[in-house]
């Protein structure tokens, strides 16, 4: 049974930053129940995350500061899609900025959202193979540490305390599934 979307009775801007707008929504559901929800609207075109393969047996990870947890975390290159870019162009740009490589082969894995009850942002996950050296200056406040990780030690990566971002884990698992389908 397909449900109809709730009616938005009122939408009020609660707060705004350079990345997000927080809105309060007064909603009326099809059964007559009314509720107030809050959501964060991204002020961008979406984002990308890329699982890059240095070679057939080696992934490239980055270690970067995560302000939300005030820690350094391992993850895959990622970033916002700039105005006028496609997700594919943004993915290749982020690879150049964050790991110093471009790709000749980009495979779209899935578009995901994080906490869709609260956030409107979507991220497109990619797998990148056939890399070649090409570097662009990025916008990170400090150089990112690029780490080569053996594909045969992926279980060890999944168990690490500093590899916990859900989007990176999802992308890795989707990549492993894709590799299994291709073999």
N, C-alpha and C. Protein backbone atom coordinates (compact mmCIF):
# COMPACT_ATOMS: atom_id res chain seq x y z
N UNK A 1 0.84 -1.17 0.00
CA UNK A 1 0.00 0.00 0.00
C UNK A 1 0.89 1.25 0.00
N UNK A 2 0.68 2.08 -0.99
CA UNK A 2 1.46 3.30 -1.08
C UNK A 2 0.79 4.40 -0.27
N UNK A 3 1.57 5.00 0.64
CA UNK A 3 1.04 6.07 1.47
C UNK A 3 1.28 7.41 0.80
N UNK A 4 0.35 8.32 1.00
CA UNK A 4 0.55 9.67 0.47
C UNK A 4 1.43 10.44 1.44
N UNK A 5 2.23 11.32 0.89
CA UNK A 5 3.13 12.13 1.71
C UNK A 5 2.32 13.06 2.62
N UNK A 6 2.84 13.36 3.80
CA UNK A 6 2.15 14.30 4.68
C UNK A 6 2.10 15.69 4.04
N UNK A 7 1.10 16.43 4.41
CA UNK A 7 0.96 17.80 3.94
C UNK A 7 1.82 18.72 4.81
N UNK A 8 2.61 19.56 4.18
CA UNK A 8 3.41 20.53 4.92
C UNK A 8 2.53 21.76 5.16
N UNK A 9 2.14 21.95 6.43
CA UNK A 9 1.29 23.07 6.78
C UNK A 9 2.09 24.36 6.91
N UNK A 10 3.30 24.23 7.43
CA UNK A 10 4.14 25.40 7.64
C UNK A 10 5.60 24.97 7.67
N UNK A 11 6.47 25.78 7.07
CA UNK A 11 7.91 25.53 7.07
C UNK A 11 8.59 26.81 7.55
N UNK A 12 9.34 26.70 8.66
CA UNK A 12 9.99 27.86 9.26
C UNK A 12 11.49 27.62 9.33
N UNK A 13 12.28 28.61 8.89
CA UNK A 13 13.72 28.53 9.01
C UNK A 13 14.10 28.78 10.47
N UNK A 14 14.77 27.81 11.10
CA UNK A 14 15.16 27.90 12.51
C UNK A 14 16.58 28.44 12.65
N UNK A 15 17.49 27.97 11.78
CA UNK A 15 18.89 28.40 11.83
C UNK A 15 19.52 28.15 10.47
N UNK A 16 20.64 28.82 10.23
CA UNK A 16 21.32 28.69 8.95
C UNK A 16 22.82 28.83 9.15
N UNK A 17 23.60 28.05 8.39
CA UNK A 17 25.05 28.17 8.36
C UNK A 17 25.47 28.16 6.90
N UNK A 18 26.75 28.16 6.65
CA UNK A 18 27.17 28.14 5.25
C UNK A 18 26.92 26.80 4.58
N UNK A 19 26.69 25.73 5.36
CA UNK A 19 26.43 24.41 4.80
C UNK A 19 24.99 23.94 4.91
N UNK A 20 24.27 24.37 5.95
CA UNK A 20 22.94 23.82 6.22
C UNK A 20 21.93 24.90 6.59
N UNK A 21 20.68 24.56 6.33
CA UNK A 21 19.55 25.32 6.86
C UNK A 21 18.77 24.34 7.73
N UNK A 22 18.42 24.75 8.94
CA UNK A 22 17.57 23.92 9.80
C UNK A 22 16.16 24.46 9.71
N UNK A 23 15.23 23.60 9.33
CA UNK A 23 13.84 23.99 9.15
C UNK A 23 12.94 23.24 10.12
N UNK A 24 11.91 23.92 10.58
CA UNK A 24 10.86 23.30 11.37
C UNK A 24 9.67 23.10 10.44
N UNK A 25 9.16 21.87 10.41
CA UNK A 25 8.02 21.55 9.54
C UNK A 25 6.81 21.20 10.39
N UNK A 26 5.72 21.85 10.13
CA UNK A 26 4.43 21.46 10.70
C UNK A 26 3.77 20.56 9.67
N UNK A 27 3.56 19.29 10.03
CA UNK A 27 3.05 18.30 9.09
C UNK A 27 1.68 17.78 9.50
N UNK A 28 0.89 17.45 8.49
CA UNK A 28 -0.39 16.78 8.71
C UNK A 28 -0.36 15.49 7.90
N UNK A 29 -0.49 14.35 8.61
CA UNK A 29 -0.46 13.05 7.97
C UNK A 29 -1.84 12.67 7.45
N UNK A 30 -1.90 11.67 6.58
CA UNK A 30 -3.15 11.29 5.92
C UNK A 30 -4.22 10.84 6.91
N UNK A 31 -3.80 10.40 8.11
CA UNK A 31 -4.78 9.99 9.13
C UNK A 31 -5.23 11.16 10.01
N UNK A 32 -4.78 12.38 9.67
CA UNK A 32 -5.19 13.57 10.42
C UNK A 32 -4.25 13.98 11.54
N UNK A 33 -3.30 13.12 11.90
CA UNK A 33 -2.36 13.44 12.98
C UNK A 33 -1.41 14.54 12.51
N UNK A 34 -1.18 15.53 13.39
CA UNK A 34 -0.24 16.61 13.08
C UNK A 34 0.98 16.50 13.99
N UNK A 35 2.14 16.77 13.42
CA UNK A 35 3.39 16.71 14.18
C UNK A 35 4.34 17.78 13.67
N UNK A 36 5.30 18.13 14.54
CA UNK A 36 6.37 19.03 14.14
C UNK A 36 7.65 18.21 13.98
N UNK A 37 8.30 18.37 12.85
CA UNK A 37 9.58 17.72 12.55
C UNK A 37 10.60 18.82 12.27
N UNK A 38 11.88 18.50 12.49
CA UNK A 38 12.96 19.39 12.08
C UNK A 38 13.82 18.63 11.09
N UNK A 39 14.34 19.38 10.13
CA UNK A 39 15.23 18.77 9.15
C UNK A 39 16.32 19.75 8.78
N UNK A 40 17.44 19.18 8.35
CA UNK A 40 18.55 19.98 7.84
C UNK A 40 18.55 19.87 6.33
N UNK A 41 18.47 21.01 5.70
CA UNK A 41 18.52 21.07 4.24
C UNK A 41 19.94 21.45 3.84
N UNK A 42 20.57 20.63 3.02
CA UNK A 42 21.90 20.97 2.53
C UNK A 42 21.81 22.11 1.53
N UNK A 43 22.81 22.96 1.52
CA UNK A 43 22.83 24.07 0.58
C UNK A 43 23.85 23.78 -0.51
N UNK A 44 23.79 22.57 -1.07
CA UNK A 44 24.73 22.17 -2.10
C UNK A 44 24.05 21.16 -3.02
N UNK A 45 24.79 20.68 -4.00
CA UNK A 45 24.27 19.80 -5.05
C UNK A 45 24.39 18.32 -4.72
N UNK A 46 24.75 17.99 -3.51
CA UNK A 46 25.00 16.61 -3.14
C UNK A 46 26.49 16.39 -2.94
N UNK A 47 26.86 15.13 -2.75
CA UNK A 47 28.25 14.81 -2.46
C UNK A 47 28.62 13.48 -3.11
N UNK A 48 29.91 13.20 -3.10
CA UNK A 48 30.43 11.95 -3.65
C UNK A 48 31.40 11.33 -2.66
N UNK A 49 31.54 10.02 -2.74
CA UNK A 49 32.55 9.27 -1.99
C UNK A 49 33.08 8.22 -2.95
N UNK A 50 34.40 8.05 -2.97
CA UNK A 50 35.02 7.18 -3.94
C UNK A 50 35.88 6.13 -3.25
N UNK A 51 35.72 4.86 -3.64
CA UNK A 51 36.60 3.78 -3.19
C UNK A 51 37.63 3.58 -4.31
N UNK A 52 38.84 4.15 -4.13
CA UNK A 52 39.85 4.04 -5.19
C UNK A 52 40.75 2.82 -5.02
N UNK A 53 41.05 2.18 -6.14
CA UNK A 53 41.96 1.04 -6.18
C UNK A 53 43.29 1.51 -6.74
N UNK A 54 44.33 1.47 -5.92
CA UNK A 54 45.68 1.78 -6.40
C UNK A 54 46.11 0.75 -7.44
N UNK A 55 45.80 -0.51 -7.15
CA UNK A 55 45.95 -1.62 -8.10
C UNK A 55 44.86 -2.63 -7.74
N UNK A 56 44.87 -3.78 -8.38
CA UNK A 56 43.78 -4.75 -8.15
C UNK A 56 43.70 -5.27 -6.72
N UNK A 57 44.79 -5.15 -5.98
CA UNK A 57 44.85 -5.71 -4.63
C UNK A 57 44.96 -4.65 -3.52
N UNK A 58 44.91 -3.35 -3.90
CA UNK A 58 45.19 -2.31 -2.91
C UNK A 58 44.21 -1.14 -3.01
N UNK A 59 43.59 -0.83 -1.89
CA UNK A 59 42.70 0.34 -1.79
C UNK A 59 43.50 1.55 -1.33
N UNK A 60 43.00 2.73 -1.64
CA UNK A 60 43.56 3.96 -1.10
C UNK A 60 42.58 4.57 -0.11
N UNK A 61 43.07 4.82 1.09
CA UNK A 61 42.28 5.47 2.14
C UNK A 61 42.94 6.80 2.48
N UNK A 62 42.19 7.65 3.15
CA UNK A 62 42.77 8.88 3.68
C UNK A 62 42.51 8.93 5.18
N UNK A 63 43.43 9.57 5.87
CA UNK A 63 43.23 9.84 7.29
C UNK A 63 43.05 11.34 7.39
N UNK A 64 41.89 11.76 7.94
CA UNK A 64 41.64 13.19 8.07
C UNK A 64 40.89 13.49 9.36
N UNK A 65 40.98 14.75 9.75
CA UNK A 65 40.32 15.20 10.97
C UNK A 65 38.82 15.21 10.77
N UNK A 66 38.09 14.68 11.76
CA UNK A 66 36.62 14.67 11.77
C UNK A 66 36.15 15.53 12.93
N UNK A 67 35.64 16.71 12.62
CA UNK A 67 35.25 17.67 13.67
C UNK A 67 34.11 17.12 14.55
N UNK A 68 33.20 16.34 13.96
CA UNK A 68 32.06 15.81 14.72
C UNK A 68 32.47 14.94 15.88
N UNK A 69 33.53 14.17 15.71
CA UNK A 69 34.01 13.27 16.77
C UNK A 69 35.33 13.76 17.37
N UNK A 70 35.83 14.88 16.87
CA UNK A 70 37.11 15.45 17.31
C UNK A 70 38.18 14.36 17.36
N UNK A 71 38.34 13.72 16.20
CA UNK A 71 39.31 12.64 16.08
C UNK A 71 39.81 12.57 14.64
N UNK A 72 40.86 11.80 14.43
CA UNK A 72 41.31 11.49 13.08
C UNK A 72 40.68 10.15 12.69
N UNK A 73 40.12 10.11 11.51
CA UNK A 73 39.42 8.92 11.03
C UNK A 73 39.97 8.48 9.68
N UNK A 74 39.96 7.17 9.45
CA UNK A 74 40.25 6.60 8.14
C UNK A 74 38.95 6.57 7.34
N UNK A 75 39.05 6.85 6.08
CA UNK A 75 37.88 6.79 5.21
C UNK A 75 38.32 6.91 3.77
N UNK A 76 37.36 7.04 2.90
CA UNK A 76 37.63 7.17 1.48
C UNK A 76 37.50 8.63 1.07
N UNK A 77 38.13 9.02 -0.02
CA UNK A 77 38.01 10.40 -0.50
C UNK A 77 36.54 10.76 -0.73
N UNK A 78 36.20 11.99 -0.37
CA UNK A 78 34.81 12.43 -0.51
C UNK A 78 34.76 13.94 -0.57
N UNK A 79 33.63 14.45 -1.01
CA UNK A 79 33.46 15.89 -1.04
C UNK A 79 32.17 16.28 -1.71
N UNK A 80 31.91 17.58 -1.68
CA UNK A 80 30.69 18.13 -2.25
C UNK A 80 30.79 18.22 -3.77
N UNK A 81 29.65 18.14 -4.42
CA UNK A 81 29.56 18.38 -5.86
C UNK A 81 29.43 19.89 -6.04
N UNK A 82 30.37 20.47 -6.79
CA UNK A 82 30.34 21.91 -7.03
C UNK A 82 29.28 22.27 -8.08
N UNK A 83 28.85 23.51 -8.05
CA UNK A 83 27.88 24.03 -9.02
C UNK A 83 28.38 23.73 -10.43
N UNK A 84 27.51 23.15 -11.25
CA UNK A 84 27.85 22.85 -12.64
C UNK A 84 28.54 21.52 -12.85
N UNK A 85 28.89 20.81 -11.79
CA UNK A 85 29.54 19.51 -11.92
C UNK A 85 28.52 18.39 -11.91
N UNK A 86 28.85 17.30 -12.58
CA UNK A 86 28.13 16.05 -12.40
C UNK A 86 28.79 15.31 -11.23
N UNK A 87 28.14 14.28 -10.75
CA UNK A 87 28.73 13.48 -9.67
C UNK A 87 30.04 12.85 -10.15
N UNK A 88 30.09 12.42 -11.40
CA UNK A 88 31.30 11.79 -11.94
C UNK A 88 32.47 12.78 -12.00
N UNK A 89 32.21 13.99 -12.44
CA UNK A 89 33.27 15.00 -12.51
C UNK A 89 33.75 15.34 -11.09
N UNK A 90 32.82 15.47 -10.17
CA UNK A 90 33.18 15.77 -8.78
C UNK A 90 34.02 14.64 -8.18
N UNK A 91 33.67 13.39 -8.48
CA UNK A 91 34.42 12.24 -7.95
C UNK A 91 35.86 12.26 -8.45
N UNK A 92 36.04 12.53 -9.73
CA UNK A 92 37.40 12.57 -10.27
C UNK A 92 38.18 13.75 -9.69
N UNK A 93 37.53 14.89 -9.52
CA UNK A 93 38.19 16.05 -8.91
C UNK A 93 38.62 15.75 -7.47
N UNK A 94 37.73 15.14 -6.69
CA UNK A 94 38.05 14.81 -5.30
C UNK A 94 39.22 13.81 -5.22
N UNK A 95 39.28 12.86 -6.14
CA UNK A 95 40.41 11.94 -6.17
C UNK A 95 41.72 12.71 -6.38
N UNK A 96 41.71 13.63 -7.32
CA UNK A 96 42.91 14.42 -7.61
C UNK A 96 43.31 15.27 -6.40
N UNK A 97 42.32 15.84 -5.73
CA UNK A 97 42.60 16.71 -4.58
C UNK A 97 43.07 15.92 -3.36
N UNK A 98 42.46 14.77 -3.11
CA UNK A 98 42.69 14.09 -1.84
C UNK A 98 43.72 12.98 -1.89
N UNK A 99 43.87 12.30 -3.03
CA UNK A 99 44.86 11.21 -3.09
C UNK A 99 45.90 11.39 -4.19
N UNK A 100 45.74 12.44 -5.01
CA UNK A 100 46.74 12.71 -6.04
C UNK A 100 46.66 11.81 -7.25
N UNK A 101 45.48 11.25 -7.51
CA UNK A 101 45.26 10.40 -8.68
C UNK A 101 43.94 10.78 -9.34
N UNK A 102 43.87 10.53 -10.65
CA UNK A 102 42.62 10.60 -11.39
C UNK A 102 42.29 9.18 -11.83
N UNK A 103 41.09 8.99 -12.36
CA UNK A 103 40.68 7.66 -12.77
C UNK A 103 40.21 7.64 -14.22
N UNK A 104 40.45 6.51 -14.86
CA UNK A 104 39.91 6.29 -16.20
C UNK A 104 38.65 5.43 -16.14
N UNK A 105 38.37 4.85 -14.96
CA UNK A 105 37.23 3.94 -14.83
C UNK A 105 36.51 4.20 -13.51
N UNK A 106 35.35 4.77 -13.61
CA UNK A 106 34.54 5.12 -12.45
C UNK A 106 33.23 4.34 -12.53
N UNK A 107 32.93 3.56 -11.50
CA UNK A 107 31.71 2.76 -11.46
C UNK A 107 30.80 3.29 -10.36
N UNK A 108 29.60 3.67 -10.73
CA UNK A 108 28.63 4.13 -9.74
C UNK A 108 28.09 2.93 -8.98
N UNK A 109 28.17 2.99 -7.65
CA UNK A 109 27.70 1.89 -6.81
C UNK A 109 26.27 2.12 -6.35
N UNK A 110 25.99 3.31 -5.80
CA UNK A 110 24.65 3.58 -5.24
C UNK A 110 24.60 5.03 -4.76
N UNK A 111 23.41 5.58 -4.76
CA UNK A 111 23.19 6.88 -4.13
C UNK A 111 22.60 6.60 -2.75
N UNK A 112 23.20 7.20 -1.71
CA UNK A 112 22.75 6.95 -0.34
C UNK A 112 22.42 8.28 0.35
N UNK A 113 21.66 8.15 1.42
CA UNK A 113 21.39 9.29 2.28
C UNK A 113 21.75 8.87 3.70
N UNK A 114 21.99 9.86 4.51
CA UNK A 114 22.32 9.58 5.91
C UNK A 114 21.24 10.19 6.77
N UNK A 115 20.60 9.38 7.59
CA UNK A 115 19.52 9.84 8.47
C UNK A 115 18.48 10.65 7.70
N UNK A 116 17.79 10.03 6.72
CA UNK A 116 16.85 10.78 5.88
C UNK A 116 15.67 11.39 6.64
N UNK A 117 15.45 10.99 7.88
CA UNK A 117 14.42 11.64 8.69
C UNK A 117 14.82 13.06 9.07
N UNK A 118 16.13 13.33 9.02
CA UNK A 118 16.62 14.64 9.46
C UNK A 118 17.41 15.40 8.40
N UNK A 119 18.03 14.70 7.44
CA UNK A 119 18.90 15.33 6.47
C UNK A 119 18.36 15.12 5.06
N UNK A 120 18.52 16.14 4.22
CA UNK A 120 18.09 16.01 2.83
C UNK A 120 19.23 15.62 1.90
N UNK A 121 20.45 15.65 2.37
CA UNK A 121 21.62 15.44 1.52
C UNK A 121 21.74 14.01 1.03
N UNK A 122 22.19 13.89 -0.21
CA UNK A 122 22.46 12.59 -0.80
C UNK A 122 23.93 12.52 -1.22
N UNK A 123 24.46 11.32 -1.20
CA UNK A 123 25.84 11.10 -1.59
C UNK A 123 25.87 9.95 -2.59
N UNK A 124 26.59 10.14 -3.68
CA UNK A 124 26.77 9.09 -4.68
C UNK A 124 28.09 8.38 -4.40
N UNK A 125 28.01 7.06 -4.27
CA UNK A 125 29.19 6.24 -3.99
C UNK A 125 29.73 5.66 -5.29
N UNK A 126 31.05 5.72 -5.44
CA UNK A 126 31.71 5.21 -6.65
C UNK A 126 32.86 4.28 -6.28
N UNK A 127 33.23 3.45 -7.25
CA UNK A 127 34.45 2.66 -7.20
C UNK A 127 35.32 3.17 -8.35
N UNK A 128 36.59 3.43 -8.07
CA UNK A 128 37.49 3.95 -9.10
C UNK A 128 38.65 3.00 -9.31
N UNK A 129 38.88 2.63 -10.56
CA UNK A 129 40.01 1.77 -10.94
C UNK A 129 40.76 2.46 -12.07
N UNK A 130 41.87 1.87 -12.46
CA UNK A 130 42.69 2.40 -13.55
C UNK A 130 43.09 3.85 -13.23
N UNK A 131 43.76 4.01 -12.09
CA UNK A 131 44.19 5.34 -11.64
C UNK A 131 45.50 5.74 -12.32
N UNK A 132 45.69 7.04 -12.45
CA UNK A 132 46.95 7.59 -12.94
C UNK A 132 47.25 8.85 -12.15
N UNK A 133 48.53 9.17 -11.95
CA UNK A 133 48.89 10.33 -11.12
C UNK A 133 48.40 11.65 -11.72
N UNK A 134 47.69 12.41 -10.93
CA UNK A 134 47.29 13.78 -11.28
C UNK A 134 46.81 14.43 -9.99
N UNK A 135 47.38 15.57 -9.68
CA UNK A 135 47.09 16.21 -8.39
C UNK A 135 46.49 17.59 -8.62
N UNK A 136 45.50 17.91 -7.80
CA UNK A 136 44.91 19.25 -7.73
C UNK A 136 45.00 19.71 -6.28
N UNK A 137 45.13 21.00 -6.09
CA UNK A 137 45.10 21.56 -4.73
C UNK A 137 43.69 21.39 -4.18
N UNK A 138 43.60 20.94 -2.93
CA UNK A 138 42.30 20.76 -2.28
C UNK A 138 42.02 21.88 -1.31
N UNK A 139 40.93 21.73 -0.57
CA UNK A 139 40.53 22.76 0.39
C UNK A 139 40.73 22.31 1.84
N UNK A 140 41.45 21.21 2.04
CA UNK A 140 41.68 20.71 3.40
C UNK A 140 42.65 21.64 4.14
N UNK A 141 42.46 21.79 5.44
CA UNK A 141 43.31 22.69 6.21
C UNK A 141 44.72 22.14 6.47
N UNK A 142 44.91 20.84 6.25
CA UNK A 142 46.23 20.23 6.42
C UNK A 142 46.34 19.10 5.41
N UNK A 143 47.56 18.71 5.06
CA UNK A 143 47.71 17.60 4.10
C UNK A 143 47.06 16.33 4.64
N UNK A 144 46.38 15.61 3.75
CA UNK A 144 45.77 14.34 4.13
C UNK A 144 46.79 13.23 4.01
N UNK A 145 46.74 12.31 4.96
CA UNK A 145 47.61 11.14 4.88
C UNK A 145 46.92 10.11 4.00
N UNK A 146 47.58 9.69 2.94
CA UNK A 146 47.05 8.67 2.03
C UNK A 146 47.64 7.33 2.44
N UNK A 147 46.75 6.35 2.62
CA UNK A 147 47.17 5.04 3.13
C UNK A 147 46.77 3.96 2.12
N UNK A 148 47.74 3.15 1.74
CA UNK A 148 47.46 1.99 0.89
C UNK A 148 47.04 0.84 1.80
N UNK A 149 45.88 0.25 1.49
CA UNK A 149 45.36 -0.83 2.33
C UNK A 149 45.14 -2.07 1.47
N UNK A 150 45.75 -3.20 1.86
CA UNK A 150 45.58 -4.44 1.09
C UNK A 150 44.12 -4.93 1.13
N UNK A 151 43.61 -5.25 -0.03
CA UNK A 151 42.24 -5.74 -0.13
C UNK A 151 42.03 -7.01 0.68
N UNK A 152 43.07 -7.83 0.81
CA UNK A 152 42.93 -9.08 1.57
C UNK A 152 42.91 -8.85 3.09
N UNK A 153 43.03 -7.59 3.52
CA UNK A 153 42.94 -7.28 4.95
C UNK A 153 41.74 -6.37 5.24
N UNK A 154 40.71 -6.50 4.44
CA UNK A 154 39.53 -5.65 4.59
C UNK A 154 38.78 -5.94 5.90
N UNK A 155 38.80 -7.18 6.36
CA UNK A 155 38.15 -7.52 7.64
C UNK A 155 38.82 -6.76 8.78
N UNK A 156 40.14 -6.66 8.72
CA UNK A 156 40.89 -5.91 9.72
C UNK A 156 40.52 -4.42 9.69
N UNK A 157 40.35 -3.90 8.48
CA UNK A 157 39.93 -2.50 8.34
C UNK A 157 38.56 -2.28 8.97
N UNK A 158 37.64 -3.17 8.71
CA UNK A 158 36.28 -3.04 9.26
C UNK A 158 36.25 -3.08 10.78
N UNK A 159 37.23 -3.70 11.39
CA UNK A 159 37.27 -3.81 12.85
C UNK A 159 37.98 -2.64 13.52
N UNK A 160 38.62 -1.77 12.76
CA UNK A 160 39.38 -0.67 13.35
C UNK A 160 38.45 0.38 13.95
N UNK A 161 38.84 0.91 15.09
CA UNK A 161 38.06 1.96 15.75
C UNK A 161 38.08 3.27 14.97
N UNK A 162 39.11 3.49 14.17
CA UNK A 162 39.19 4.75 13.42
C UNK A 162 38.64 4.62 12.00
N UNK A 163 37.96 3.53 11.70
CA UNK A 163 37.23 3.36 10.43
C UNK A 163 35.78 3.11 10.79
N UNK A 164 35.04 4.18 11.04
CA UNK A 164 33.68 4.02 11.55
C UNK A 164 32.62 4.81 10.80
N UNK A 165 33.02 5.60 9.81
CA UNK A 165 32.02 6.37 9.08
C UNK A 165 31.12 5.44 8.28
N UNK A 166 29.83 5.54 8.48
CA UNK A 166 28.87 4.64 7.85
C UNK A 166 28.92 4.69 6.33
N UNK A 167 29.15 5.87 5.78
CA UNK A 167 29.20 5.98 4.31
C UNK A 167 30.41 5.25 3.75
N UNK A 168 31.55 5.33 4.41
CA UNK A 168 32.74 4.61 3.95
C UNK A 168 32.55 3.10 4.08
N UNK A 169 31.95 2.68 5.18
CA UNK A 169 31.68 1.25 5.37
C UNK A 169 30.70 0.75 4.32
N UNK A 170 29.64 1.50 4.07
CA UNK A 170 28.66 1.11 3.03
C UNK A 170 29.34 1.00 1.67
N UNK A 171 30.16 1.99 1.34
CA UNK A 171 30.83 1.99 0.04
C UNK A 171 31.77 0.79 -0.08
N UNK A 172 32.48 0.48 0.99
CA UNK A 172 33.38 -0.67 0.97
C UNK A 172 32.60 -1.97 0.76
N UNK A 173 31.52 -2.14 1.48
CA UNK A 173 30.73 -3.37 1.34
C UNK A 173 30.10 -3.49 -0.05
N UNK A 174 29.63 -2.37 -0.60
CA UNK A 174 29.08 -2.39 -1.96
C UNK A 174 30.18 -2.69 -2.99
N UNK A 175 31.38 -2.19 -2.73
CA UNK A 175 32.52 -2.48 -3.61
C UNK A 175 32.85 -3.96 -3.58
N UNK A 176 32.89 -4.54 -2.39
CA UNK A 176 33.18 -5.97 -2.27
C UNK A 176 32.12 -6.81 -2.99
N UNK A 177 30.87 -6.39 -2.87
CA UNK A 177 29.78 -7.09 -3.57
C UNK A 177 29.97 -6.99 -5.09
N UNK A 178 30.31 -5.81 -5.57
CA UNK A 178 30.54 -5.59 -7.00
C UNK A 178 31.69 -6.46 -7.49
N UNK A 179 32.78 -6.52 -6.74
CA UNK A 179 33.91 -7.35 -7.12
C UNK A 179 33.54 -8.82 -7.18
N UNK A 180 32.70 -9.24 -6.23
CA UNK A 180 32.26 -10.65 -6.21
C UNK A 180 31.39 -10.95 -7.44
N UNK A 181 30.53 -10.00 -7.81
CA UNK A 181 29.67 -10.19 -9.00
C UNK A 181 30.51 -10.29 -10.27
N UNK A 182 31.62 -9.54 -10.29
CA UNK A 182 32.46 -9.49 -11.50
C UNK A 182 33.38 -10.70 -11.63
N UNK A 183 33.56 -11.45 -10.53
CA UNK A 183 34.50 -12.60 -10.62
C UNK A 183 33.79 -13.89 -10.96
